[in-house]
Amino acid sequence: MANVKTEDSIFLTIKKLRGIDTEDDSFDTDIRVAINSALSILTQIGVGPEKGYMIMGEEDTWSDLTDDEESLSMIVSYVDMRVHLVFDPPSNSFLVSEIQEAIKELECRINIAVNDVNRSKQ
């Protein structure tokens, strides 16, 4: 995965990671829905604004979601994997299981990281 920065667009980052040309808008609605679904799960484990966060388009950046630079790569990977399973799932059930396991591990690790950050702010 390329080095993602907090000022990068969430939408364009995920499109690039999924191998979709940023100029191709054929699947934009599907991708946006999948991203927002992943973001709502992240909200439940403590990432982002307390009331949740949704992207609308290219202008939404990772810094709108979090200022936690240390956890950003995990968060980007998590959103990408969730979008992958919803938008373009592998036909091989073994690969689906592997991605699901990686998602579970990331949920645990992100939760730990978010709790550590919140504790250090107190």
Foldseek 3Di string as FASTA:
>chain_A
DDDFDQQFFLQVLLCVVVVHPPVDCPCSVLLQVQLQVLQVVVCVLPWADVVTDGDDDRRDGNVNTHPPSVCVVLSSLLSNLSSCCRPPDDPDVVVVVVSVVSNVVSSVVVSVVNVVVVVVVD
